[in-house]
Amino acid sequence: MASTDLSSLYRAGSAAAARPPGAGGVSRNHALAGLKARIAAIEGEPVCRLENPDRTQGQVARRSTLELASLGCPEADAALGGGFPATGLSEIHLDETRDGGTLSGFALALAIRFGARPGRPLLWIGDALAFAEAGLPYGPGLAGFGLDPASLCLVRTRRLEEAAWAAEEAAASPSLAMAILEIRGNPARLGLEGTRRLHLRARAAGLPLLLLRQSARAEATAAPLRLRIRPGPASPVADLAGERRLIGDPVFAVAVEKSRAGRPHDVLLEWKSDERRFDAGEPAAALSRRVAAETVDRPDPARADGAVLALRRTG
């Protein structure tokens, strides 16, 4: 049942309750109270808020509009169904922790696109285990990537429960450009119910909130968008001598597993740090044909094996 229908049903029920009760008045009141509680649970609002028809209609209208932010690349926006959600929870997961730099890089690029700056920072939350496995952001690296290090606030907690609590508090803040919660795996604390609280708070505050999962599998959550990130091979760049032996801009292989568009999609995105936008990479089919560029200071290759002689054992 749609939200508008539920609100109308609630008001109709309230009007019925205002009539003088007959012989079954007590039982009707109990039934009406139960109905109110069920509607409030579906709406995700306290019962008292549903008693104001004007406020309810305003909340329904606000929920029906989905704010999307462009990534600066038409192919990327089309793959996401029009753009990246500007409010609420979005989930990004990674198969292997050793590729944690890819997960962090994509999240930082999104924060830059959402305008993270010292006066409106990016808040990055994680427990000790998550930061120990993937590492902490590095200031000079952030600057080279396009983000002012003063635009990042880190919150490192001892336990996952503390990190989840900090994320719920941050999700209600309208003073941030973006909030990130980084975890490992699929803890029960951040299942369907836990992510629903994060999504509702962030959507009400108008805040984009990212849930980054290291070494995790896809599962049912309240996030309308779920992406799977893998590192892509960067294009070779010419050095001063004109030889294409340098490594180019970072490339992200993005698999759209869940979106409002309702269809999976794969896209390669190249991050342009100077322009602070994404660009479309090569088609996904080209991934299997690409190899990493050779570095300038690579070690001397091993020499080929010589002839193999069969020696007879003695003694």
Protein backbone atom coordinates (compact mmCIF):
# COMPACT_ATOMS: atom_id res chain seq x y z
CA MET A 1 0.00 0.00 0.00
CA ALA A 2 1.35 3.45 -0.88
CA SER A 3 2.29 5.97 1.81
CA THR A 4 -0.54 8.33 0.83
CA ASP A 5 -3.09 5.56 1.23
CA LEU A 6 -1.70 4.69 4.64
CA SER A 7 -1.92 8.30 5.81
CA SER A 8 -5.50 8.60 4.56
CA LEU A 9 -6.38 5.37 6.31
CA TYR A 10 -4.86 6.71 9.51
CA ARG A 11 -6.90 9.92 9.38
CA ALA A 12 -10.06 7.97 8.63
CA GLY A 13 -9.36 5.73 11.60
CA SER A 14 -8.77 8.76 13.84
CA ALA A 15 -12.11 10.26 12.79
CA ALA A 16 -13.85 7.00 13.58
CA ALA A 17 -12.27 6.95 17.00
CA ALA A 18 -13.69 10.41 17.74
CA ARG A 19 -17.27 9.08 17.49
CA PRO A 20 -18.96 7.95 20.72
CA PRO A 21 -18.11 4.29 21.26
CA GLY A 22 -20.86 1.79 21.40
CA ALA A 23 -20.91 -1.54 23.15
CA GLY A 24 -17.69 -2.58 21.41
CA GLY A 25 -15.89 0.75 21.96
CA VAL A 26 -13.05 -0.66 24.06
CA SER A 27 -12.23 -3.41 21.58
CA ARG A 28 -12.37 -0.90 18.71
CA ASN A 29 -9.92 1.37 20.53
CA HIS A 30 -7.49 -1.52 20.99
CA ALA A 31 -7.82 -2.45 17.33
CA LEU A 32 -7.29 1.18 16.27
CA ALA A 33 -4.18 1.49 18.45
CA GLY A 34 -2.75 -1.63 16.88
CA LEU A 35 -3.53 -0.30 13.40
CA LYS A 36 -1.78 3.00 14.21
CA ALA A 37 1.31 1.15 15.38
CA ARG A 38 1.43 -0.97 12.22
CA ILE A 39 1.06 2.08 9.95
CA ALA A 40 3.74 3.97 11.87
CA ALA A 41 6.12 1.00 11.52
CA ILE A 42 5.54 0.86 7.75
CA GLU A 43 5.91 4.62 7.39
CA GLY A 44 9.05 4.68 9.52
CA GLU A 45 7.67 7.53 11.63
CA PRO A 46 6.40 7.86 15.22
CA VAL A 47 2.64 7.66 15.65
CA CYS A 48 2.45 11.29 16.80
CA ARG A 49 3.81 12.55 13.47
CA LEU A 50 1.09 10.79 11.52
CA GLU A 51 -1.57 12.69 13.43
CA ASN A 52 -0.67 15.90 11.56
CA PRO A 53 -2.07 15.51 8.01
CA ASP A 54 -0.21 18.51 6.55
CA ARG A 55 3.17 17.34 7.88
CA THR A 56 2.52 13.81 6.72
CA GLN A 57 1.74 14.93 3.18
CA GLY A 58 4.92 17.03 3.16
CA GLN A 59 7.01 14.05 4.22
CA VAL A 60 5.40 11.86 1.56
CA ALA A 61 6.17 14.43 -1.12
CA ARG A 62 9.77 14.76 0.09
CA ARG A 63 10.30 10.98 0.03
CA SER A 64 8.90 10.60 -3.47
CA THR A 65 11.69 12.78 -4.94
CA LEU A 66 15.11 11.19 -5.33
CA GLU A 67 18.04 13.60 -5.49
CA LEU A 68 20.82 12.42 -7.78
CA ALA A 69 24.29 13.89 -8.27
CA SER A 70 26.21 13.62 -11.52
CA LEU A 71 29.62 11.95 -11.55
CA GLY A 72 30.68 14.11 -14.49
CA CYS A 73 30.41 11.18 -16.91
CA PRO A 74 27.22 10.43 -18.88
CA GLU A 75 28.06 6.71 -19.08
CA ALA A 76 28.46 6.50 -15.30
CA ASP A 77 25.25 8.44 -14.63
CA ALA A 78 23.33 6.21 -17.04
CA ALA A 79 24.69 3.05 -15.37
CA LEU A 80 23.48 4.34 -11.97
CA GLY A 81 20.03 5.23 -13.26
CA GLY A 82 20.61 8.96 -13.62
CA GLY A 83 23.36 9.67 -11.10
CA PHE A 84 24.65 8.85 -7.63
CA PRO A 85 22.14 9.23 -4.74
CA ALA A 86 22.75 12.58 -3.04
CA THR A 87 20.97 11.55 0.17
CA GLY A 88 20.61 8.32 2.13
CA LEU A 89 22.70 5.18 2.31
CA SER A 90 24.69 3.66 -0.55
CA GLU A 91 26.70 0.44 -0.23
CA ILE A 92 30.03 -0.33 -1.90
CA HIS A 93 31.73 -3.67 -1.30
CA LEU A 94 35.05 -5.22 -2.22
CA ASP A 95 35.90 -8.90 -2.65
CA GLU A 96 39.46 -8.86 -1.27
CA THR A 97 40.92 -6.61 1.41
CA ARG A 98 44.24 -6.36 -0.44
CA ASP A 99 42.42 -4.13 -2.95
CA GLY A 100 41.38 -1.74 -0.18
CA GLY A 101 43.07 1.15 -1.97
CA THR A 102 40.53 0.80 -4.77
CA LEU A 103 37.65 1.01 -2.32
CA SER A 104 39.12 4.05 -0.58
CA GLY A 105 39.99 5.77 -3.85
CA PHE A 106 36.48 5.44 -5.24
CA ALA A 107 34.96 6.73 -1.99
CA LEU A 108 37.34 9.71 -1.95
CA ALA A 109 36.48 10.52 -5.56
CA LEU A 110 32.79 10.55 -4.64
CA ALA A 111 33.51 12.85 -1.68
CA ILE A 112 35.33 15.25 -3.99
CA ARG A 113 32.38 15.22 -6.38
CA PHE A 114 30.08 16.03 -3.44
CA GLY A 115 32.18 19.08 -2.55
CA ALA A 116 34.10 18.02 0.56
CA ARG A 117 36.09 20.97 1.88
CA PRO A 118 37.45 22.18 5.24
CA GLY A 119 34.23 24.02 6.07
CA ARG A 120 32.08 21.04 5.04
CA PRO A 121 34.26 17.97 5.60
CA LEU A 122 34.15 14.29 4.85
CA LEU A 123 33.73 12.20 8.00
CA TRP A 124 35.32 8.73 7.75
CA ILE A 125 34.40 6.25 10.50
CA GLY A 126 35.85 2.78 11.03
CA ASP A 127 36.77 0.36 13.76
CA ALA A 128 40.34 -0.65 14.57
CA LEU A 129 40.09 -3.88 12.55
CA ALA A 130 38.95 -2.18 9.35
CA PHE A 131 41.65 0.49 9.48
CA ALA A 132 44.31 -2.06 10.44
CA GLU A 133 43.57 -4.18 7.38
CA ALA A 134 43.15 -1.47 4.74
CA GLY A 135 45.31 1.28 6.28
CA LEU A 136 44.69 4.96 6.92
CA PRO A 137 44.47 7.76 4.35
CA TYR A 138 47.80 9.48 3.65
CA GLY A 139 47.83 13.30 3.56
CA PRO A 140 50.11 13.92 0.53
CA GLY A 141 48.30 11.18 -1.34
CA LEU A 142 44.96 12.85 -0.65
CA ALA A 143 46.27 16.15 -2.04
CA GLY A 144 47.52 14.43 -5.19
CA PHE A 145 44.18 12.72 -5.59
CA GLY A 146 42.33 16.06 -5.48
CA LEU A 147 41.19 16.32 -1.84
CA ASP A 148 42.48 18.87 0.65
CA PRO A 149 43.70 16.84 3.68
CA ALA A 150 42.01 19.42 5.93
CA SER A 151 38.69 18.28 4.45
CA LEU A 152 38.92 14.83 6.06
CA CYS A 153 37.98 13.92 9.65
CA LEU A 154 38.80 10.39 10.83
CA VAL A 155 37.00 8.55 13.63
CA ARG A 156 38.66 5.28 14.69
CA THR A 157 36.86 3.19 17.30
CA ARG A 158 37.89 0.08 19.19
CA ARG A 159 34.78 -1.94 18.37
CA LEU A 160 32.29 -2.24 15.54
CA GLU A 161 29.39 -1.31 17.83
CA GLU A 162 31.03 2.03 18.58
CA ALA A 163 31.65 2.70 14.89
CA ALA A 164 28.01 1.90 14.04
CA TRP A 165 26.81 4.24 16.80
CA ALA A 166 29.07 7.03 15.53
CA ALA A 167 27.72 6.52 12.00
CA GLU A 168 24.12 6.79 13.22
CA GLU A 169 24.94 10.06 14.97
CA ALA A 170 26.82 11.41 11.95
CA ALA A 171 24.01 10.42 9.59
CA ALA A 172 21.73 12.98 11.23
CA SER A 173 24.19 15.87 10.73
CA PRO A 174 23.54 18.33 7.87
CA SER A 175 26.99 19.93 8.34
CA LEU A 176 28.94 17.24 6.45
CA ALA A 177 29.56 16.85 2.75
CA MET A 178 29.57 13.06 3.15
CA ALA A 179 29.94 10.40 5.84
CA ILE A 180 31.63 7.01 5.39
CA LEU A 181 31.39 3.90 7.56
CA GLU A 182 34.06 1.29 6.72
CA ILE A 183 33.71 -2.25 8.04
CA ARG A 184 34.88 -5.77 7.34
CA GLY A 185 32.61 -8.52 6.09
CA ASN A 186 28.89 -8.84 6.85
CA PRO A 187 28.31 -8.24 10.58
CA ALA A 188 24.77 -8.81 11.85
CA ARG A 189 24.75 -5.31 13.39
CA LEU A 190 24.65 -3.84 9.88
CA GLY A 191 22.06 -6.12 8.35
CA LEU A 192 18.66 -5.02 7.09
CA GLU A 193 17.52 -3.31 10.31
CA GLY A 194 20.83 -1.59 11.06
CA THR A 195 21.21 -0.21 7.55
CA ARG A 196 17.57 0.92 7.57
CA ARG A 197 18.27 3.20 10.54
CA LEU A 198 21.30 4.65 8.79
CA HIS A 199 19.38 5.20 5.55
CA LEU A 200 16.41 6.93 7.18
CA ARG A 201 18.60 9.25 9.24
CA ALA A 202 20.84 10.20 6.34
CA ARG A 203 17.89 10.76 4.02
CA ALA A 204 16.14 13.00 6.56
CA ALA A 205 19.33 15.08 7.01
CA GLY A 206 19.99 15.26 3.26
CA LEU A 207 23.39 13.56 3.70
CA PRO A 208 25.08 11.02 1.40
CA LEU A 209 26.30 8.12 3.54
CA LEU A 210 28.58 5.38 2.20
CA LEU A 211 28.85 1.92 3.73
CA LEU A 212 32.20 0.45 2.63
CA ARG A 213 32.54 -3.31 3.10
CA GLN A 214 35.92 -5.04 2.88
CA SER A 215 35.97 -8.68 1.84
CA ALA A 216 32.17 -8.90 1.88
CA ARG A 217 29.43 -10.67 -0.01
CA ALA A 218 26.23 -9.13 -1.32
CA GLU A 219 23.31 -9.30 1.10
CA ALA A 220 19.91 -7.70 1.64
CA THR A 221 20.24 -4.19 3.11
CA ALA A 222 18.20 -1.00 3.08
CA ALA A 223 20.63 0.76 0.73
CA PRO A 224 18.89 1.56 -2.59
CA LEU A 225 22.26 1.37 -4.40
CA ARG A 226 24.90 -1.35 -4.09
CA LEU A 227 28.13 -1.34 -6.07
CA ARG A 228 30.95 -3.87 -6.34
CA ILE A 229 34.38 -2.35 -6.95
CA ARG A 230 37.46 -3.94 -8.47
CA PRO A 231 40.74 -2.34 -9.59
CA GLY A 232 41.13 -1.79 -13.31
CA PRO A 233 44.43 -1.54 -15.23
CA ALA A 234 45.49 2.04 -15.82
CA SER A 235 46.39 3.26 -19.29
CA PRO A 236 50.11 3.74 -19.98
CA VAL A 237 51.32 7.35 -20.19
CA ALA A 238 54.32 8.67 -22.11
CA ASP A 239 57.34 9.83 -20.11
CA LEU A 240 59.71 12.70 -21.01
CA ALA A 241 61.41 10.50 -23.58
CA GLY A 242 58.13 9.83 -25.32
CA GLU A 243 57.94 6.17 -24.25
CA ARG A 244 54.61 5.00 -22.81
CA ARG A 245 56.04 3.51 -19.62
CA LEU A 246 54.33 5.55 -16.86
CA ILE A 247 51.12 4.65 -15.07
CA GLY A 248 48.09 6.79 -15.87
CA ASP A 249 44.99 7.77 -13.92
CA PRO A 250 43.35 5.19 -11.61
CA VAL A 251 40.64 3.05 -13.16
CA PHE A 252 37.73 1.46 -11.28
CA ALA A 253 35.75 -1.53 -12.53
CA VAL A 254 32.25 -0.83 -11.18
CA ALA A 255 29.50 -3.45 -11.14
CA VAL A 256 26.05 -2.06 -10.37
CA GLU A 257 24.42 -4.92 -8.46
CA LYS A 258 21.40 -3.07 -7.06
CA SER A 259 19.83 0.20 -8.13
CA ARG A 260 16.50 1.91 -8.64
CA ALA A 261 16.89 1.26 -12.36
CA GLY A 262 16.54 -2.44 -11.53
CA ARG A 263 19.16 -3.77 -13.94
CA PRO A 264 22.80 -4.82 -13.37
CA HIS A 265 25.44 -2.95 -15.29
CA ASP A 266 29.24 -2.98 -15.60
CA VAL A 267 31.27 0.12 -16.37
CA LEU A 268 34.93 1.17 -16.27
CA LEU A 269 35.51 4.62 -14.75
CA GLU A 270 38.75 6.58 -14.88
CA TRP A 271 39.27 9.26 -12.23
CA LYS A 272 40.58 12.59 -13.54
CA SER A 273 42.01 14.24 -10.43
CA ASP A 274 42.87 17.52 -12.18
CA GLU A 275 39.34 17.89 -13.52
CA ARG A 276 37.74 16.26 -10.44
CA ARG A 277 35.42 14.06 -12.43
CA PHE A 278 35.08 10.53 -13.76
CA ASP A 279 35.60 9.58 -17.38
CA ALA A 280 34.48 6.45 -19.20
CA GLY A 281 37.23 3.86 -19.52
CA GLU A 282 37.53 1.12 -22.11
CA PRO A 283 34.67 -1.35 -22.52
CA ALA A 284 34.51 -4.06 -19.86
CA ALA A 285 35.45 -6.69 -22.44
CA ALA A 286 38.86 -5.04 -22.80
CA LEU A 287 39.78 -5.84 -19.21
CA SER A 288 40.81 -9.38 -20.03
CA ARG A 289 43.12 -8.18 -22.81
CA ARG A 290 44.90 -5.48 -20.80
CA VAL A 291 48.04 -5.99 -18.77
CA ALA A 292 49.60 -3.64 -16.25
CA ALA A 293 52.12 -1.17 -17.60
CA GLU A 294 55.79 -1.89 -16.89
CA THR A 295 57.38 0.43 -14.35
CA VAL A 296 60.49 2.45 -15.13
CA ASP A 297 62.56 1.04 -12.25
CA ARG A 298 61.53 -2.58 -12.69
CA PRO A 299 64.11 -5.26 -11.71
CA ASP A 300 66.30 -6.86 -14.33
CA PRO A 301 64.44 -9.85 -15.80
CA ALA A 302 65.77 -13.31 -15.07
CA ARG A 303 67.88 -14.91 -17.76
CA ALA A 304 66.56 -17.81 -19.75
CA ASP A 305 67.45 -21.30 -18.58
CA GLY A 306 70.33 -23.03 -20.32
CA ALA A 307 70.53 -26.62 -21.53
CA VAL A 308 69.44 -29.28 -19.07
CA LEU A 309 71.82 -32.21 -18.65
CA ALA A 310 70.89 -35.55 -17.17
CA LEU A 311 73.61 -36.68 -14.75
CA ARG A 312 74.10 -40.27 -13.64
CA ARG A 313 74.23 -40.84 -9.89
CA THR A 314 77.47 -42.30 -8.58
CA GLY A 315 78.04 -44.37 -5.51
